[in-house]
Amino acid sequence: MATISAFPDPVFNGGPTPTNQGLEPPDFKTTRFYFEDGGEDVNVRPCGPQRWVFVFEGLTEAQAAVLDAHYNLAKGRTNSFSFYDRRTGFTYSGVEYAAFEVPAHQKQYIQTRNIQLVRST
């Protein structure tokens, strides 16, 4: 698995601005320890992958081509890349595409992309 260029961001490398950006909550692993006296100890820790969901609406052909080219360079989930989260100010490495959807569109010059990124922890 190779590392490729960073995810297209409008601030750093000229990518389009997402219409909607969301962060899915992490999973929590719960371990329970039961004691002979009836007591219980619970250990809760966040685990699992981090997921970001993006919706890009109203893209020009050139903006859509930037996202398509990055996805093709990543070869789906084969190659990882870095992702700068503008909400938190952190750059995450080892990010991959979990989903890349090109919905049907009426006009070639107005396009939409639905993208889900994932980073295993």
N, C-alpha and C. Protein backbone atom coordinates (compact mmCIF):
# COMPACT_ATOMS: atom_id res chain seq x y z
N MET A 1 0.84 -1.16 0.00
CA MET A 1 0.00 0.00 0.00
C MET A 1 0.89 1.23 0.00
N ALA A 2 0.62 2.14 -0.90
CA ALA A 2 1.40 3.36 -1.03
C ALA A 2 0.62 4.54 -0.46
N THR A 3 1.35 5.59 -0.12
CA THR A 3 0.72 6.82 0.32
C THR A 3 0.75 7.81 -0.84
N ILE A 4 -0.40 8.42 -1.11
CA ILE A 4 -0.51 9.35 -2.23
C ILE A 4 -0.70 10.77 -1.70
N SER A 5 -0.95 11.71 -2.59
CA SER A 5 -1.13 13.11 -2.20
C SER A 5 -2.34 13.28 -1.29
N ALA A 6 -2.36 14.38 -0.57
CA ALA A 6 -3.41 14.64 0.41
C ALA A 6 -4.77 14.80 -0.26
N PHE A 7 -5.81 14.55 0.52
CA PHE A 7 -7.19 14.71 0.04
C PHE A 7 -7.39 16.15 -0.41
N PRO A 8 -8.06 16.38 -1.54
CA PRO A 8 -8.25 17.74 -2.05
C PRO A 8 -8.99 18.64 -1.06
N ASP A 9 -8.31 19.67 -0.61
CA ASP A 9 -8.87 20.61 0.36
C ASP A 9 -8.86 22.00 -0.27
N PRO A 10 -9.92 22.78 -0.09
CA PRO A 10 -9.96 24.09 -0.74
C PRO A 10 -8.89 25.07 -0.23
N VAL A 11 -8.41 24.90 0.99
CA VAL A 11 -7.44 25.83 1.54
C VAL A 11 -6.03 25.51 1.08
N PHE A 12 -5.65 24.24 1.12
CA PHE A 12 -4.26 23.87 0.89
C PHE A 12 -3.92 23.44 -0.53
N ASN A 13 -4.81 22.73 -1.20
CA ASN A 13 -4.44 22.24 -2.52
C ASN A 13 -5.53 22.37 -3.58
N GLY A 14 -6.38 23.36 -3.44
CA GLY A 14 -7.29 23.72 -4.52
C GLY A 14 -8.47 22.79 -4.76
N GLY A 15 -8.88 22.04 -3.79
CA GLY A 15 -10.04 21.17 -3.95
C GLY A 15 -11.34 21.95 -3.74
N PRO A 16 -12.46 21.36 -4.10
CA PRO A 16 -13.75 22.02 -3.91
C PRO A 16 -14.17 22.04 -2.44
N THR A 17 -15.03 22.98 -2.10
CA THR A 17 -15.54 23.09 -0.73
C THR A 17 -16.75 22.18 -0.57
N PRO A 18 -16.79 21.34 0.46
CA PRO A 18 -17.94 20.46 0.64
C PRO A 18 -19.19 21.24 1.04
N THR A 19 -20.33 20.80 0.53
CA THR A 19 -21.61 21.39 0.91
C THR A 19 -21.96 20.99 2.32
N ASN A 20 -21.63 19.76 2.67
CA ASN A 20 -21.94 19.22 3.99
C ASN A 20 -20.79 18.31 4.42
N GLN A 21 -20.36 18.47 5.66
CA GLN A 21 -19.29 17.63 6.21
C GLN A 21 -19.73 17.13 7.57
N GLY A 22 -19.63 15.84 7.79
CA GLY A 22 -20.00 15.27 9.07
C GLY A 22 -18.96 14.28 9.56
N LEU A 23 -18.94 14.08 10.85
CA LEU A 23 -18.05 13.11 11.48
C LEU A 23 -18.92 12.12 12.21
N GLU A 24 -18.81 10.85 11.84
CA GLU A 24 -19.59 9.83 12.52
C GLU A 24 -18.98 9.54 13.88
N PRO A 25 -19.81 9.28 14.88
CA PRO A 25 -19.26 9.01 16.22
C PRO A 25 -18.50 7.69 16.24
N PRO A 26 -17.48 7.61 17.11
CA PRO A 26 -16.71 6.36 17.20
C PRO A 26 -17.51 5.27 17.90
N ASP A 27 -17.10 4.05 17.66
CA ASP A 27 -17.68 2.92 18.39
C ASP A 27 -17.04 2.88 19.78
N PHE A 28 -17.74 2.25 20.70
CA PHE A 28 -17.21 2.11 22.05
C PHE A 28 -17.17 0.63 22.41
N LYS A 29 -16.02 0.20 22.90
CA LYS A 29 -15.88 -1.17 23.35
C LYS A 29 -16.07 -1.20 24.86
N THR A 30 -16.97 -2.02 25.30
CA THR A 30 -17.29 -2.12 26.72
C THR A 30 -16.87 -3.48 27.24
N THR A 31 -16.10 -3.47 28.31
CA THR A 31 -15.70 -4.71 28.97
C THR A 31 -16.27 -4.67 30.38
N ARG A 32 -16.95 -5.74 30.78
CA ARG A 32 -17.56 -5.81 32.11
C ARG A 32 -16.88 -6.91 32.92
N PHE A 33 -16.57 -6.57 34.13
CA PHE A 33 -15.98 -7.53 35.07
C PHE A 33 -16.97 -7.69 36.23
N TYR A 34 -17.39 -8.92 36.45
CA TYR A 34 -18.35 -9.21 37.54
C TYR A 34 -17.59 -9.82 38.71
N PHE A 35 -17.91 -9.33 39.90
CA PHE A 35 -17.24 -9.80 41.10
C PHE A 35 -18.16 -10.75 41.87
N GLU A 36 -17.55 -11.56 42.73
CA GLU A 36 -18.31 -12.55 43.50
C GLU A 36 -19.34 -11.92 44.43
N ASP A 37 -19.05 -10.71 44.89
CA ASP A 37 -19.99 -10.06 45.81
C ASP A 37 -21.16 -9.38 45.09
N GLY A 38 -21.25 -9.54 43.75
CA GLY A 38 -22.34 -8.94 43.00
C GLY A 38 -21.97 -7.60 42.38
N GLY A 39 -20.79 -7.10 42.70
CA GLY A 39 -20.36 -5.82 42.14
C GLY A 39 -19.94 -5.98 40.69
N GLU A 40 -19.76 -4.87 40.05
CA GLU A 40 -19.41 -4.88 38.63
C GLU A 40 -18.46 -3.72 38.33
N ASP A 41 -17.50 -3.97 37.47
CA ASP A 41 -16.58 -2.94 37.01
C ASP A 41 -16.73 -2.86 35.49
N VAL A 42 -16.91 -1.65 34.97
CA VAL A 42 -17.13 -1.47 33.54
C VAL A 42 -16.01 -0.61 32.98
N ASN A 43 -15.39 -1.09 31.91
CA ASN A 43 -14.34 -0.36 31.22
C ASN A 43 -14.87 0.02 29.84
N VAL A 44 -14.99 1.32 29.58
CA VAL A 44 -15.49 1.80 28.29
C VAL A 44 -14.37 2.58 27.62
N ARG A 45 -14.08 2.23 26.37
CA ARG A 45 -13.05 2.96 25.64
C ARG A 45 -13.47 3.11 24.18
N PRO A 46 -13.22 4.27 23.62
CA PRO A 46 -13.54 4.45 22.21
C PRO A 46 -12.57 3.66 21.35
N CYS A 47 -13.08 3.05 20.34
CA CYS A 47 -12.24 2.26 19.44
C CYS A 47 -12.89 2.22 18.07
N GLY A 48 -12.28 1.57 17.18
CA GLY A 48 -12.83 1.45 15.85
C GLY A 48 -12.39 2.59 14.95
N PRO A 49 -12.82 2.55 13.74
CA PRO A 49 -12.36 3.55 12.76
C PRO A 49 -13.04 4.90 12.93
N GLN A 50 -12.33 5.95 12.52
CA GLN A 50 -12.91 7.28 12.42
C GLN A 50 -13.48 7.40 11.02
N ARG A 51 -14.65 8.02 10.90
CA ARG A 51 -15.29 8.18 9.59
C ARG A 51 -15.73 9.62 9.39
N TRP A 52 -15.44 10.14 8.19
CA TRP A 52 -15.90 11.46 7.79
C TRP A 52 -16.79 11.29 6.57
N VAL A 53 -17.88 12.05 6.54
CA VAL A 53 -18.83 11.98 5.43
C VAL A 53 -18.89 13.37 4.79
N PHE A 54 -18.75 13.40 3.46
CA PHE A 54 -18.80 14.65 2.71
C PHE A 54 -19.85 14.57 1.62
N VAL A 55 -20.52 15.68 1.40
CA VAL A 55 -21.41 15.84 0.25
C VAL A 55 -20.92 17.07 -0.50
N PHE A 56 -20.62 16.89 -1.77
CA PHE A 56 -20.21 17.99 -2.64
C PHE A 56 -21.31 18.16 -3.67
N GLU A 57 -22.03 19.27 -3.61
CA GLU A 57 -23.11 19.53 -4.56
C GLU A 57 -22.78 20.76 -5.39
N GLY A 58 -23.31 20.80 -6.60
CA GLY A 58 -23.11 21.95 -7.47
C GLY A 58 -21.69 22.08 -7.99
N LEU A 59 -21.01 20.96 -8.16
CA LEU A 59 -19.63 20.98 -8.64
C LEU A 59 -19.58 21.26 -10.14
N THR A 60 -18.56 22.01 -10.54
CA THR A 60 -18.29 22.15 -11.97
C THR A 60 -17.60 20.87 -12.44
N GLU A 61 -17.46 20.74 -13.74
CA GLU A 61 -16.78 19.56 -14.27
C GLU A 61 -15.33 19.51 -13.78
N ALA A 62 -14.68 20.67 -13.69
CA ALA A 62 -13.28 20.71 -13.24
C ALA A 62 -13.16 20.32 -11.77
N GLN A 63 -14.07 20.79 -10.93
CA GLN A 63 -14.04 20.44 -9.51
C GLN A 63 -14.31 18.95 -9.32
N ALA A 64 -15.26 18.42 -10.05
CA ALA A 64 -15.56 16.98 -9.97
C ALA A 64 -14.36 16.17 -10.45
N ALA A 65 -13.67 16.67 -11.46
CA ALA A 65 -12.50 15.96 -11.99
C ALA A 65 -11.38 15.88 -10.96
N VAL A 66 -11.24 16.91 -10.10
CA VAL A 66 -10.22 16.89 -9.05
C VAL A 66 -10.49 15.74 -8.08
N LEU A 67 -11.75 15.61 -7.65
CA LEU A 67 -12.11 14.54 -6.72
C LEU A 67 -12.00 13.17 -7.38
N ASP A 68 -12.46 13.06 -8.64
CA ASP A 68 -12.36 11.80 -9.36
C ASP A 68 -10.91 11.36 -9.55
N ALA A 69 -10.04 12.31 -9.88
CA ALA A 69 -8.62 11.99 -10.09
C ALA A 69 -7.98 11.49 -8.79
N HIS A 70 -8.32 12.12 -7.67
CA HIS A 70 -7.74 11.68 -6.40
C HIS A 70 -8.23 10.27 -6.05
N TYR A 71 -9.51 10.00 -6.28
CA TYR A 71 -10.05 8.67 -6.01
C TYR A 71 -9.37 7.63 -6.90
N ASN A 72 -9.17 7.96 -8.17
CA ASN A 72 -8.50 7.04 -9.08
C ASN A 72 -7.05 6.81 -8.68
N LEU A 73 -6.39 7.87 -8.20
CA LEU A 73 -5.02 7.73 -7.73
C LEU A 73 -4.95 6.83 -6.50
N ALA A 74 -5.95 6.94 -5.65
CA ALA A 74 -6.01 6.10 -4.45
C ALA A 74 -6.40 4.66 -4.77
N LYS A 75 -6.93 4.44 -5.96
CA LYS A 75 -7.39 3.10 -6.39
C LYS A 75 -8.36 2.52 -5.37
N GLY A 76 -9.36 3.32 -5.04
CA GLY A 76 -10.35 2.88 -4.05
C GLY A 76 -9.73 2.86 -2.67
N ARG A 77 -9.67 1.69 -2.05
CA ARG A 77 -9.10 1.56 -0.71
C ARG A 77 -7.68 1.01 -0.73
N THR A 78 -7.05 1.00 -1.88
CA THR A 78 -5.71 0.42 -1.98
C THR A 78 -4.64 1.32 -1.38
N ASN A 79 -4.65 2.60 -1.72
CA ASN A 79 -3.62 3.54 -1.27
C ASN A 79 -4.19 4.50 -0.23
N SER A 80 -3.38 4.81 0.76
CA SER A 80 -3.82 5.75 1.80
C SER A 80 -3.30 7.15 1.49
N PHE A 81 -3.83 8.13 2.22
CA PHE A 81 -3.44 9.51 2.02
C PHE A 81 -3.66 10.27 3.31
N SER A 82 -3.19 11.50 3.35
CA SER A 82 -3.42 12.34 4.53
C SER A 82 -4.67 13.18 4.30
N PHE A 83 -5.30 13.56 5.39
CA PHE A 83 -6.53 14.34 5.34
C PHE A 83 -6.47 15.42 6.40
N TYR A 84 -6.66 16.67 6.00
CA TYR A 84 -6.67 17.79 6.93
C TYR A 84 -8.12 18.09 7.29
N ASP A 85 -8.47 17.91 8.56
CA ASP A 85 -9.81 18.19 9.04
C ASP A 85 -9.88 19.65 9.47
N ARG A 86 -10.56 20.47 8.68
CA ARG A 86 -10.63 21.90 8.96
C ARG A 86 -11.41 22.20 10.23
N ARG A 87 -12.25 21.30 10.66
CA ARG A 87 -13.02 21.53 11.89
C ARG A 87 -12.15 21.44 13.14
N THR A 88 -11.23 20.49 13.14
CA THR A 88 -10.39 20.28 14.32
C THR A 88 -9.00 20.85 14.17
N GLY A 89 -8.56 21.08 12.94
CA GLY A 89 -7.21 21.59 12.70
C GLY A 89 -6.14 20.51 12.72
N PHE A 90 -6.55 19.24 12.70
CA PHE A 90 -5.60 18.13 12.72
C PHE A 90 -5.44 17.55 11.32
N THR A 91 -4.26 17.04 11.04
CA THR A 91 -4.01 16.30 9.82
C THR A 91 -3.89 14.83 10.19
N TYR A 92 -4.69 14.01 9.57
CA TYR A 92 -4.70 12.57 9.84
C TYR A 92 -4.02 11.85 8.70
N SER A 93 -3.16 10.90 9.02
CA SER A 93 -2.51 10.08 7.99
C SER A 93 -3.15 8.70 8.00
N GLY A 94 -2.92 7.96 6.95
CA GLY A 94 -3.49 6.61 6.85
C GLY A 94 -4.98 6.60 6.58
N VAL A 95 -5.49 7.63 5.93
CA VAL A 95 -6.91 7.72 5.61
C VAL A 95 -7.17 7.05 4.27
N GLU A 96 -8.31 6.39 4.14
CA GLU A 96 -8.68 5.70 2.90
C GLU A 96 -10.12 6.04 2.53
N TYR A 97 -10.48 5.77 1.30
CA TYR A 97 -11.87 5.93 0.87
C TYR A 97 -12.69 4.74 1.35
N ALA A 98 -13.80 5.00 2.02
CA ALA A 98 -14.74 3.95 2.38
C ALA A 98 -15.85 3.88 1.34
N ALA A 99 -16.20 5.03 0.76
CA ALA A 99 -17.24 5.08 -0.28
C ALA A 99 -16.99 6.30 -1.15
N PHE A 100 -17.30 6.15 -2.41
CA PHE A 100 -17.21 7.25 -3.38
C PHE A 100 -18.36 7.08 -4.34
N GLU A 101 -19.34 7.93 -4.23
CA GLU A 101 -20.57 7.78 -5.01
C GLU A 101 -20.74 8.96 -5.97
N VAL A 102 -21.07 8.63 -7.19
CA VAL A 102 -21.38 9.64 -8.21
C VAL A 102 -22.86 9.47 -8.55
N PRO A 103 -23.74 10.25 -7.90
CA PRO A 103 -25.16 10.11 -8.19
C PRO A 103 -25.49 10.57 -9.61
N ALA A 104 -26.59 10.07 -10.12
CA ALA A 104 -27.04 10.50 -11.44
C ALA A 104 -27.33 12.00 -11.42
N HIS A 105 -26.94 12.69 -12.48
CA HIS A 105 -27.17 14.12 -12.55
C HIS A 105 -27.82 14.47 -13.88
N GLN A 106 -28.60 15.54 -13.86
CA GLN A 106 -29.33 15.97 -15.05
C GLN A 106 -28.44 16.74 -16.03
N LYS A 107 -27.53 17.53 -15.49
CA LYS A 107 -26.70 18.40 -16.32
C LYS A 107 -25.23 18.09 -16.08
N GLN A 108 -24.48 18.02 -17.14
CA GLN A 108 -23.06 17.68 -17.04
C GLN A 108 -22.28 18.72 -16.25
N TYR A 109 -22.70 19.98 -16.32
CA TYR A 109 -21.95 21.06 -15.68
C TYR A 109 -22.34 21.29 -14.23
N ILE A 110 -23.28 20.52 -13.69
CA ILE A 110 -23.62 20.58 -12.27
C ILE A 110 -23.59 19.16 -11.74
N GLN A 111 -22.58 18.83 -10.94
CA GLN A 111 -22.40 17.45 -10.50
C GLN A 111 -22.35 17.35 -8.98
N THR A 112 -22.51 16.13 -8.49
CA THR A 112 -22.51 15.85 -7.06
C THR A 112 -21.58 14.67 -6.79
N ARG A 113 -20.91 14.71 -5.65
CA ARG A 113 -20.10 13.58 -5.19
C ARG A 113 -20.40 13.36 -3.71
N ASN A 114 -20.64 12.11 -3.33
CA ASN A 114 -20.81 11.72 -1.93
C ASN A 114 -19.61 10.86 -1.55
N ILE A 115 -18.87 11.30 -0.57
CA ILE A 115 -17.60 10.65 -0.23
C ILE A 115 -17.59 10.32 1.26
N GLN A 116 -17.10 9.13 1.57
CA GLN A 116 -16.90 8.74 2.96
C GLN A 116 -15.45 8.30 3.12
N LEU A 117 -14.76 8.93 4.07
CA LEU A 117 -13.37 8.59 4.37
C LEU A 117 -13.31 7.82 5.67
N VAL A 118 -12.31 6.95 5.80
CA VAL A 118 -12.17 6.15 7.01
C VAL A 118 -10.69 6.08 7.39
N ARG A 119 -10.47 6.10 8.70
CA ARG A 119 -9.11 5.93 9.24
C ARG A 119 -9.19 4.92 10.37
N SER A 120 -8.51 3.81 10.20
CA SER A 120 -8.50 2.79 11.25
C SER A 120 -7.58 3.23 12.38
N THR A 121 -8.02 3.00 13.60
CA THR A 121 -7.21 3.42 14.75
C THR A 121 -6.46 2.25 15.34
